N, C-alpha and C. Protein backbone atom coordinates (compact mmCIF):
# COMPACT_ATOMS: atom_id res chain seq x y z
N UNK A 1 0.07 -12.08 20.47
CA UNK A 1 -1.05 -11.58 19.29
C UNK A 1 -0.27 -10.75 18.84
N UNK A 2 -0.09 -10.91 17.38
CA UNK A 2 0.28 -10.08 16.98
C UNK A 2 -0.32 -9.17 15.60
N UNK A 3 -0.91 -7.63 15.94
CA UNK A 3 -1.70 -7.09 15.37
C UNK A 3 -1.12 -6.35 13.45
N UNK A 4 -1.04 -6.89 12.53
CA UNK A 4 -0.52 -6.75 11.09
C UNK A 4 -1.20 -5.77 10.81
N UNK A 5 -1.13 -4.06 10.46
CA UNK A 5 -1.59 -2.81 10.22
C UNK A 5 -1.78 -2.88 8.52
N UNK A 6 -2.61 -3.89 8.00
CA UNK A 6 -3.17 -4.26 6.22
C UNK A 6 -2.94 -3.31 5.94
N UNK A 7 -3.47 -2.16 6.09
CA UNK A 7 -3.21 -1.04 4.71
C UNK A 7 -2.08 -0.10 4.93
N UNK A 8 -1.56 -0.42 6.14
CA UNK A 8 0.18 0.12 6.16
C UNK A 8 1.23 -1.35 5.16
N UNK A 9 0.71 -2.13 5.43
CA UNK A 9 1.27 -3.31 4.36
C UNK A 9 1.16 -2.80 3.30
N UNK A 10 0.05 -2.87 3.12
CA UNK A 10 -0.42 -2.89 1.64
C UNK A 10 0.28 -1.57 0.76
N UNK A 11 0.42 -0.39 1.76
CA UNK A 11 0.92 0.39 1.03
C UNK A 11 3.03 0.12 0.75
N UNK A 12 2.69 -0.34 1.58
CA UNK A 12 4.49 -0.64 1.45
C UNK A 12 4.30 -1.63 0.53
N UNK A 13 3.90 -2.46 0.00
CA UNK A 13 3.80 -3.28 -0.99
C UNK A 13 3.74 -2.72 -2.05
N UNK A 14 2.48 -1.81 -2.23
CA UNK A 14 2.70 -0.53 -3.36
C UNK A 14 3.36 -0.10 -3.89
N UNK A 15 4.42 0.24 -2.72
CA UNK A 15 5.73 1.22 -2.83
C UNK A 15 6.61 0.25 -3.87
N UNK A 16 6.66 -0.92 -3.85
CA UNK A 16 7.91 -1.68 -4.35
C UNK A 16 7.01 -2.01 -5.88
N UNK A 17 8.35 -1.50 -6.88
CA UNK A 17 8.18 -1.09 -8.42
C UNK A 17 7.36 -2.02 -8.96
N UNK A 18 7.92 -3.99 -8.82
CA UNK A 18 7.46 -5.14 -9.10
C UNK A 18 6.16 -5.10 -8.83
N UNK A 19 5.67 -4.46 -7.54
CA UNK A 19 4.42 -5.12 -6.95
C UNK A 19 3.43 -3.86 -8.30
N UNK A 20 3.81 -2.22 -7.75
CA UNK A 20 2.82 -1.83 -8.02
C UNK A 20 2.65 -1.52 -10.43
N UNK A 21 3.63 -2.19 -10.46
CA UNK A 21 3.86 -2.57 -12.19
C UNK A 21 2.74 -3.33 -12.18
N UNK A 22 2.35 -4.33 -11.72
CA UNK A 22 1.48 -5.77 -12.21
C UNK A 22 -0.29 -5.22 -11.57
N UNK A 23 -0.41 -3.89 -10.49
CA UNK A 23 -1.35 -3.12 -10.33
C UNK A 23 -1.70 -2.82 -11.40
N UNK A 24 -0.70 -1.70 -12.07
CA UNK A 24 -0.89 -0.63 -13.16
C UNK A 24 -1.48 -1.41 -14.53
N UNK A 25 -0.80 -2.80 -14.62
CA UNK A 25 -1.23 -3.42 -15.77
C UNK A 25 -1.61 -4.85 -15.59
N UNK A 26 -2.65 -4.77 -15.42
CA UNK A 26 -3.01 -5.85 -14.91
C UNK A 26 -3.18 -6.74 -16.57
N UNK A 27 -3.57 -8.21 -15.91
CA UNK A 27 -2.90 -8.85 -17.37
C UNK A 27 -4.70 -9.52 -17.14
N UNK A 28 -4.50 -9.95 -18.72
CA UNK A 28 -5.79 -10.95 -19.44
C UNK A 28 -5.73 -11.81 -20.05
N UNK A 29 -5.81 -12.86 -19.37
CA UNK A 29 -5.95 -14.15 -20.21
C UNK A 29 -6.54 -14.13 -21.60
N UNK A 30 -5.55 -14.41 -22.59
CA UNK A 30 -5.92 -14.02 -23.83
C UNK A 30 -6.28 -15.26 -24.71
N UNK A 31 -5.88 -16.59 -23.95
CA UNK A 31 -6.36 -17.80 -24.83
C UNK A 31 -7.48 -18.16 -24.06
N UNK A 32 -8.63 -18.50 -24.97
CA UNK A 32 -9.58 -19.22 -24.79
C UNK A 32 -10.21 -19.93 -24.75
N UNK A 33 -9.70 -21.10 -24.17
CA UNK A 33 -9.69 -22.89 -24.48
C UNK A 33 -10.12 -22.84 -22.78
N UNK A 34 -10.84 -22.30 -22.64
CA UNK A 34 -11.60 -22.73 -21.14
C UNK A 34 -10.58 -23.04 -19.57
N UNK A 35 -9.50 -22.79 -19.80
CA UNK A 35 -8.90 -22.98 -18.56
C UNK A 35 -8.65 -21.73 -18.07
N UNK A 36 -8.89 -22.37 -16.50
CA UNK A 36 -8.09 -21.27 -15.31
C UNK A 36 -6.95 -21.44 -15.08
N UNK A 37 -6.88 -20.06 -15.12
CA UNK A 37 -4.91 -19.99 -15.44
C UNK A 37 -4.35 -19.10 -13.75
N UNK A 38 -5.60 -19.05 -13.73
CA UNK A 38 -5.74 -17.66 -12.03
C UNK A 38 -6.60 -17.37 -11.79
N UNK A 39 -6.95 -16.69 -10.66
CA UNK A 39 -8.11 -16.13 -10.04
C UNK A 39 -8.98 -15.66 -10.99
N UNK A 40 -8.05 -14.64 -11.63
CA UNK A 40 -8.79 -13.75 -13.04
C UNK A 40 -9.34 -14.01 -13.84
N UNK A 41 -9.31 -15.94 -14.18
CA UNK A 41 -9.85 -16.60 -15.02
C UNK A 41 -11.18 -17.53 -14.32
N UNK A 42 -11.28 -17.33 -13.38
CA UNK A 42 -12.33 -17.84 -12.33
C UNK A 42 -13.60 -17.09 -12.59
N UNK A 43 -14.78 -17.83 -12.56
CA UNK A 43 -16.35 -17.26 -11.92
C UNK A 43 -16.33 -16.53 -11.26
N UNK A 44 -15.47 -16.82 -10.01
CA UNK A 44 -15.52 -15.91 -8.81
C UNK A 44 -15.29 -14.83 -8.77
N UNK A 45 -14.39 -14.38 -9.89
CA UNK A 45 -13.87 -12.90 -10.13
C UNK A 45 -14.24 -12.58 -11.27
N UNK A 46 -14.85 -12.82 -12.19
CA UNK A 46 -15.94 -12.09 -13.70
C UNK A 46 -17.19 -11.57 -12.52
N UNK A 47 -17.30 -12.41 -11.81
CA UNK A 47 -18.89 -11.88 -11.03
C UNK A 47 -18.50 -11.17 -10.17
N UNK A 48 -17.74 -11.19 -9.79
CA UNK A 48 -17.31 -10.44 -8.37
C UNK A 48 -17.89 -8.85 -8.31
N UNK A 49 -18.77 -8.56 -7.75
CA UNK A 49 -19.05 -6.91 -7.76
C UNK A 49 -17.89 -5.83 -8.31
N UNK A 50 -16.75 -5.87 -7.45
CA UNK A 50 -15.84 -5.07 -7.91
C UNK A 50 -14.26 -5.58 -9.08
N UNK A 51 -14.15 -6.38 -8.88
CA UNK A 51 -13.38 -7.21 -9.50
C UNK A 51 -14.09 -6.89 -11.28
N UNK A 52 -14.74 -7.11 -11.19
CA UNK A 52 -15.61 -7.38 -12.55
C UNK A 52 -15.16 -6.00 -13.39
N UNK A 53 -15.56 -4.75 -12.38
CA UNK A 53 -15.88 -3.68 -12.98
C UNK A 53 -14.37 -2.69 -12.65
N UNK A 54 -13.58 -3.15 -12.38
CA UNK A 54 -11.84 -2.85 -11.76
C UNK A 54 -11.20 -3.74 -11.72
N UNK A 55 -10.36 -3.55 -12.98
CA UNK A 55 -8.97 -4.76 -13.16
C UNK A 55 -8.09 -4.25 -12.12
N UNK A 56 -8.13 -3.37 -11.91
CA UNK A 56 -7.19 -3.46 -11.27
C UNK A 56 -6.97 -2.76 -9.59
N UNK A 57 -8.02 -3.39 -9.48
CA UNK A 57 -8.67 -3.15 -7.91
C UNK A 57 -7.73 -4.60 -6.83
N UNK A 58 -7.54 -4.18 -5.85
CA UNK A 58 -6.09 -5.24 -5.34
C UNK A 58 -7.02 -6.47 -4.73
N UNK A 59 -6.89 -7.45 -5.68
CA UNK A 59 -7.32 -8.60 -4.76
C UNK A 59 -6.18 -9.20 -3.51
N UNK A 60 -6.44 -9.19 -2.56
CA UNK A 60 -6.50 -9.43 -1.11
C UNK A 60 -6.92 -10.98 -0.84
N UNK A 61 -5.47 -11.74 -0.07
CA UNK A 61 -5.65 -12.90 -0.16
C UNK A 61 -5.59 -13.20 1.53
N UNK A 62 -5.99 -13.89 1.88
CA UNK A 62 -5.67 -13.69 3.34
C UNK A 62 -5.12 -15.20 3.89
N UNK A 63 -4.18 -15.26 4.29
CA UNK A 63 -3.28 -16.57 4.99
C UNK A 63 -3.57 -16.71 6.87
N UNK A 64 -3.97 -17.67 6.98
CA UNK A 64 -4.14 -17.74 8.76
C UNK A 64 -3.49 -19.21 8.71
N UNK A 65 -1.87 -18.92 9.73
CA UNK A 65 -1.80 -20.48 9.69
C UNK A 65 -1.48 -20.34 11.45
N UNK A 66 -2.68 -21.76 12.52
CA UNK A 66 -2.57 -21.40 13.76
C UNK A 66 -2.70 -20.14 14.50
N UNK A 67 -3.24 -19.57 14.39
CA UNK A 67 -3.54 -18.06 14.74
C UNK A 67 -5.08 -18.13 15.21
N UNK A 68 -5.37 -17.60 16.48
CA UNK A 68 -6.83 -17.18 17.01
C UNK A 68 -7.04 -15.79 16.16
N UNK A 69 -8.33 -16.15 15.44
CA UNK A 69 -9.26 -15.56 15.17
C UNK A 69 -9.97 -14.73 16.22
N UNK A 70 -9.71 -13.99 17.09
CA UNK A 70 -10.43 -12.73 17.96
C UNK A 70 -10.61 -11.60 17.38
N UNK A 71 -11.21 -10.81 17.78
CA UNK A 71 -11.71 -9.36 17.41
C UNK A 71 -11.02 -8.51 18.75
N UNK A 72 -9.53 -8.07 19.40
CA UNK A 72 -8.90 -7.71 20.37
C UNK A 72 -9.63 -5.92 19.74
N UNK A 73 -10.10 -5.76 19.04
CA UNK A 73 -10.45 -4.12 19.05
C UNK A 73 -11.53 -3.94 20.00
N UNK A 74 -12.39 -4.74 20.20
CA UNK A 74 -13.53 -4.50 21.03
C UNK A 74 -14.62 -3.65 20.23
N UNK A 75 -14.95 -2.50 21.31
CA UNK A 75 -15.80 -1.67 20.15
C UNK A 75 -15.13 -0.96 19.83
N UNK A 76 -14.11 -0.90 19.13
CA UNK A 76 -13.34 0.39 18.26
C UNK A 76 -12.85 -0.04 17.15
N UNK A 77 -13.68 -1.72 16.58
CA UNK A 77 -13.55 -1.94 15.06
C UNK A 77 -13.73 -0.81 14.01
N UNK A 78 -14.77 -0.07 14.07
CA UNK A 78 -15.68 0.91 13.27
C UNK A 78 -14.06 1.80 13.17
N UNK A 79 -13.54 2.29 13.98
CA UNK A 79 -12.16 3.08 13.97
C UNK A 79 -11.75 2.60 13.34
N UNK A 80 -11.08 1.03 12.83
CA UNK A 80 -10.62 0.40 12.35
C UNK A 80 -10.89 -0.34 11.11
N UNK A 81 -11.92 0.15 10.56
CA UNK A 81 -12.60 -0.71 9.72
C UNK A 81 -11.74 -0.27 8.09
N UNK A 82 -11.51 -1.55 7.44
CA UNK A 82 -10.73 -1.12 6.36
C UNK A 82 -11.99 -0.56 5.37
N UNK A 83 -10.87 0.34 4.57
CA UNK A 83 -11.81 1.65 3.36
C UNK A 83 -12.03 0.64 2.28
N UNK A 84 -11.26 -0.39 1.68
CA UNK A 84 -11.02 -0.36 0.62
C UNK A 84 -12.05 -0.69 -0.12
N UNK A 85 -12.79 -1.29 0.46
CA UNK A 85 -14.29 -1.77 -0.59
C UNK A 85 -15.19 -0.24 -0.59
N UNK A 86 -15.27 0.72 -0.17
CA UNK A 86 -15.99 1.70 -0.43
C UNK A 86 -15.84 1.99 -1.50
N UNK A 87 -16.99 2.89 -1.86
CA UNK A 87 -16.97 2.99 -3.49
C UNK A 87 -15.60 4.54 -4.07
N UNK A 88 -15.38 4.92 -2.67
CA UNK A 88 -14.26 5.70 -3.02
C UNK A 88 -13.22 5.58 -2.58
N UNK A 89 -12.76 3.85 -2.18
CA UNK A 89 -11.35 3.35 -2.34
C UNK A 89 -10.68 3.80 -0.91
N UNK A 90 -9.30 3.53 -1.10
CA UNK A 90 -8.62 4.24 0.56
C UNK A 90 -7.24 4.87 -0.32
N UNK A 91 -7.17 6.10 -0.35
CA UNK A 91 -5.97 6.62 -0.16
C UNK A 91 -4.64 6.41 0.07
N UNK A 92 -3.41 5.76 -0.72
CA UNK A 92 -2.24 5.27 -0.36
C UNK A 92 -1.60 6.48 -0.90
N UNK A 93 -0.11 7.21 -0.16
CA UNK A 93 1.38 7.75 -0.95
C UNK A 93 2.10 5.77 -1.37
N UNK A 94 1.76 6.59 -2.81
CA UNK A 94 2.79 5.88 -3.52
C UNK A 94 3.74 6.44 -3.91
N UNK A 95 5.15 6.24 -3.59
CA UNK A 95 6.54 7.17 -4.67
C UNK A 95 6.29 8.53 -4.28
N UNK A 96 5.48 9.03 -3.31
CA UNK A 96 5.42 10.26 -2.67
C UNK A 96 4.39 11.12 -3.47
N UNK A 97 3.08 10.19 -4.36
CA UNK A 97 1.95 10.52 -4.87
C UNK A 97 0.93 10.02 -4.18
N UNK A 98 -0.15 11.13 -3.92
CA UNK A 98 -1.18 10.35 -3.26
C UNK A 98 -2.08 9.24 -4.51
N UNK A 99 -2.69 8.06 -4.09
CA UNK A 99 -3.02 7.74 -5.18
C UNK A 99 -4.41 6.91 -4.33
N UNK A 100 -5.03 6.66 -4.66
CA UNK A 100 -6.36 6.12 -4.82
C UNK A 100 -6.82 4.27 -5.20
N UNK A 101 -7.23 3.69 -4.26
CA UNK A 101 -7.44 1.77 -4.58
C UNK A 101 -8.40 1.69 -4.04
N UNK A 102 -8.69 0.89 -4.39
CA UNK A 102 -10.22 -0.12 -4.23
C UNK A 102 -9.64 -1.54 -4.25
N UNK A 103 -10.28 -1.94 -3.04
CA UNK A 103 -10.05 -3.71 -3.25
C UNK A 103 -11.03 -4.34 -2.30
N UNK A 104 -10.51 -5.71 -2.27
CA UNK A 104 -11.46 -6.88 -1.53
C UNK A 104 -10.77 -8.14 -1.19
N UNK A 105 -11.35 -8.64 -0.54
CA UNK A 105 -10.85 -9.74 -0.19
C UNK A 105 -10.93 -10.89 -1.02
N UNK A 106 -10.13 -11.71 -1.91
CA UNK A 106 -10.56 -12.58 -3.06
C UNK A 106 -10.87 -13.51 -2.38
N UNK A 107 -9.91 -14.30 -1.70
CA UNK A 107 -10.65 -15.46 -0.80
C UNK A 107 -8.94 -15.66 0.55
N UNK A 108 -9.51 -16.46 1.07
CA UNK A 108 -9.08 -16.78 2.46
C UNK A 108 -8.40 -18.43 2.25
N UNK A 109 -7.11 -18.02 2.96
CA UNK A 109 -6.87 -19.73 2.67
C UNK A 109 -6.08 -19.80 4.26
N UNK A 110 -5.49 -20.70 4.35
CA UNK A 110 -5.12 -21.57 5.90
C UNK A 110 -4.97 -22.36 6.58
N UNK A 111 -4.21 -22.80 7.69
CA UNK A 111 -4.71 -24.08 8.23
C UNK A 111 -5.85 -24.86 9.06
N UNK A 112 -5.77 -26.27 9.11
CA UNK A 112 -7.37 -26.31 9.71
C UNK A 112 -8.22 -25.50 10.93
N UNK A 113 -6.91 -25.12 11.76
CA UNK A 113 -7.18 -24.72 13.01
C UNK A 113 -7.73 -22.98 12.77
N UNK A 114 -6.99 -22.78 11.86
CA UNK A 114 -7.73 -21.19 11.74
C UNK A 114 -8.98 -21.01 11.31
N UNK A 115 -9.14 -21.75 10.39
CA UNK A 115 -9.54 -21.51 9.24
C UNK A 115 -11.12 -22.48 10.07
N UNK A 116 -11.19 -22.99 10.61
CA UNK A 116 -12.23 -23.67 11.74
C UNK A 116 -12.80 -22.44 12.64
N UNK A 117 -11.49 -21.85 13.24
CA UNK A 117 -12.32 -21.26 14.09
C UNK A 117 -13.11 -19.73 13.38
N UNK A 118 -12.01 -19.15 11.83
CA UNK A 118 -12.80 -18.77 11.33
C UNK A 118 -14.15 -18.72 10.66
N UNK A 119 -14.25 -19.95 10.25
CA UNK A 119 -15.87 -20.71 9.69
C UNK A 119 -16.81 -20.68 11.18
N UNK A 120 -16.44 -20.78 12.26
CA UNK A 120 -16.97 -20.53 13.34
C UNK A 120 -17.02 -21.92 13.84
N UNK A 121 -16.44 -22.97 13.65
CA UNK A 121 -16.63 -24.16 14.18
C UNK A 121 -15.81 -24.23 15.37
N UNK A 122 -16.15 -25.85 16.00
CA UNK A 122 -15.28 -25.70 17.17
C UNK A 122 -14.30 -25.88 16.31
N UNK A 123 -12.83 -25.63 18.23
CA UNK A 123 -11.80 -26.11 17.37
C UNK A 123 -11.33 -26.92 18.58
N UNK A 124 -9.48 -28.02 17.93
CA UNK A 124 -9.20 -28.27 19.22
C UNK A 124 -10.26 -30.22 18.88
N UNK A 125 -9.21 -30.86 19.98
CA UNK A 125 -9.40 -32.25 20.02
C UNK A 125 -10.53 -32.81 20.25
N UNK A 126 -11.49 -32.15 20.97
CA UNK A 126 -12.60 -32.31 21.62
C UNK A 126 -13.96 -31.70 20.42
N UNK A 127 -13.37 -31.38 19.09
CA UNK A 127 -14.42 -30.68 18.63
C UNK A 127 -15.35 -32.18 18.32
N UNK A 128 -16.73 -31.47 17.90
CA UNK A 128 -17.67 -32.89 17.27
C UNK A 128 -17.76 -32.87 15.29
N UNK A 129 -17.27 -31.61 14.93
CA UNK A 129 -17.38 -31.73 13.75
C UNK A 129 -15.62 -32.15 13.03
N UNK A 130 -15.74 -33.15 13.06
CA UNK A 130 -14.46 -33.49 12.78
C UNK A 130 -13.36 -33.13 10.78
N UNK A 131 -15.10 -32.35 10.35
CA UNK A 131 -14.32 -32.38 8.59
C UNK A 131 -15.18 -31.28 7.99
N UNK A 132 -14.68 -29.99 7.94
CA UNK A 132 -15.26 -29.03 7.61
C UNK A 132 -15.40 -29.26 5.60
N UNK A 133 -15.40 -30.17 5.35
CA UNK A 133 -15.57 -30.54 4.07
C UNK A 133 -16.46 -31.26 3.61
N UNK A 134 -16.44 -32.05 4.54
CA UNK A 134 -18.42 -32.94 4.42
C UNK A 134 -19.32 -33.16 5.37
N UNK A 135 -18.65 -32.33 6.64
CA UNK A 135 -19.49 -31.94 7.76
C UNK A 135 -19.96 -32.97 9.11
N UNK A 136 -19.11 -33.89 8.69
CA UNK A 136 -19.29 -35.07 9.39
C UNK A 136 -18.98 -35.38 11.13
N UNK A 137 -19.66 -35.48 11.39
CA UNK A 137 -19.72 -36.04 12.88
C UNK A 137 -18.76 -36.92 13.73
N UNK A 138 -18.04 -36.69 14.39
CA UNK A 138 -16.94 -37.68 14.66
C UNK A 138 -17.93 -39.31 14.84
N UNK A 139 -18.86 -39.21 15.49
CA UNK A 139 -19.17 -40.29 15.24
C UNK A 139 -19.37 -41.01 13.89
N UNK A 140 -20.04 -40.06 13.09
CA UNK A 140 -20.59 -41.00 11.63
C UNK A 140 -18.91 -41.14 10.62
N UNK A 141 -18.09 -40.33 11.25
CA UNK A 141 -16.77 -40.74 10.41
C UNK A 141 -16.23 -41.80 10.87
N UNK A 142 -16.64 -42.27 12.52
CA UNK A 142 -16.19 -43.24 12.88
C UNK A 142 -16.31 -44.80 12.37
N UNK A 143 -18.28 -44.74 12.46
CA UNK A 143 -18.76 -45.99 11.98
C UNK A 143 -18.22 -45.84 10.29
N UNK A 144 -18.19 -45.06 9.29
CA UNK A 144 -17.97 -44.97 7.82
C UNK A 144 -16.62 -45.86 7.73
N UNK A 145 -15.68 -45.02 8.36
CA UNK A 145 -14.39 -45.99 8.41
C UNK A 145 -14.38 -47.27 8.87
N UNK A 146 -15.14 -47.57 10.24
CA UNK A 146 -15.49 -49.21 10.57
C UNK A 146 -15.77 -50.18 9.62
N UNK A 147 -16.98 -49.57 8.64
CA UNK A 147 -17.46 -50.36 7.88
C UNK A 147 -16.33 -50.30 6.67
N UNK A 148 -15.74 -49.36 5.91
CA UNK A 148 -15.13 -49.59 4.98
C UNK A 148 -13.98 -50.43 5.07
N UNK A 149 -13.16 -50.08 6.19
CA UNK A 149 -12.47 -51.41 6.79
C UNK A 149 -12.85 -52.61 6.98
N UNK A 150 -14.06 -53.02 7.57
CA UNK A 150 -14.72 -54.32 7.50
C UNK A 150 -14.98 -54.66 6.00
N UNK A 151 -15.41 -53.58 5.05
CA UNK A 151 -15.65 -54.17 3.36
C UNK A 151 -14.02 -54.54 2.58
N UNK A 152 -13.26 -53.74 3.25
CA UNK A 152 -12.05 -54.04 2.44
C UNK A 152 -11.54 -55.14 3.38
N UNK A 153 -11.69 -55.55 4.14
CA UNK A 153 -10.85 -56.92 4.86
C UNK A 153 -11.21 -58.27 4.05
N UNK A 154 -13.08 -57.68 4.27
CA UNK A 154 -13.72 -59.20 3.59
C UNK A 154 -13.27 -59.68 2.14
N UNK A 155 -13.42 -58.72 1.18
CA UNK A 155 -13.01 -58.32 -0.30
C UNK A 155 -11.56 -58.85 -0.25
N UNK A 156 -10.29 -58.17 0.53
CA UNK A 156 -8.84 -58.35 0.29
C UNK A 156 -9.11 -60.09 0.41
N UNK A 157 -9.33 -59.95 1.91
CA UNK A 157 -9.41 -61.65 2.49
C UNK A 157 -9.43 -62.96 1.44
N UNK A 158 -10.94 -62.61 0.91
CA UNK A 158 -11.64 -64.07 0.05
C UNK A 158 -10.21 -63.91 -0.90
N UNK A 159 -9.13 -63.18 -1.63
CA UNK A 159 -8.75 -63.25 -2.77
C UNK A 159 -7.13 -62.78 -1.92
N UNK A 160 -7.31 -63.77 -0.88
CA UNK A 160 -5.76 -63.67 -0.12
C UNK A 160 -5.08 -63.15 -0.71
N UNK A 161 -5.09 -61.44 -0.94
CA UNK A 161 -4.26 -60.18 -1.03
C UNK A 161 -4.16 -59.97 0.14
């Protein structure tokens, strides 16, 4: 397992001129047509306790790809707690200067295995809850598919398709 130091990674990204420019000059959708062009246009962002007040707050996106979501830090988690969400933010060194930013997780994306474990679902081929979208149990899904297949066969069979 590889642990990625989030705050050090953020600091390295913030030292990239193109990244810090986006943070310093947050965009705003000037077209009021009700469309969502990116996360900043969404109700989730507009109602978020931090993002709604601080347009330059860091919007962190986490992506899990076939990883085990375990806590390798054990009882030392308080020592490694991310400090971006507190009112004072976290102090980074950007181009040799100390700068404080606040931030929060905007959303989490990933593959089924990682997200199922993150969501507390059983993972692997023996898991009973097969779909996190409909929360369907394996037996229920099997029965529904069987009914749909039977209906399809009877309708299409009558018409010679």
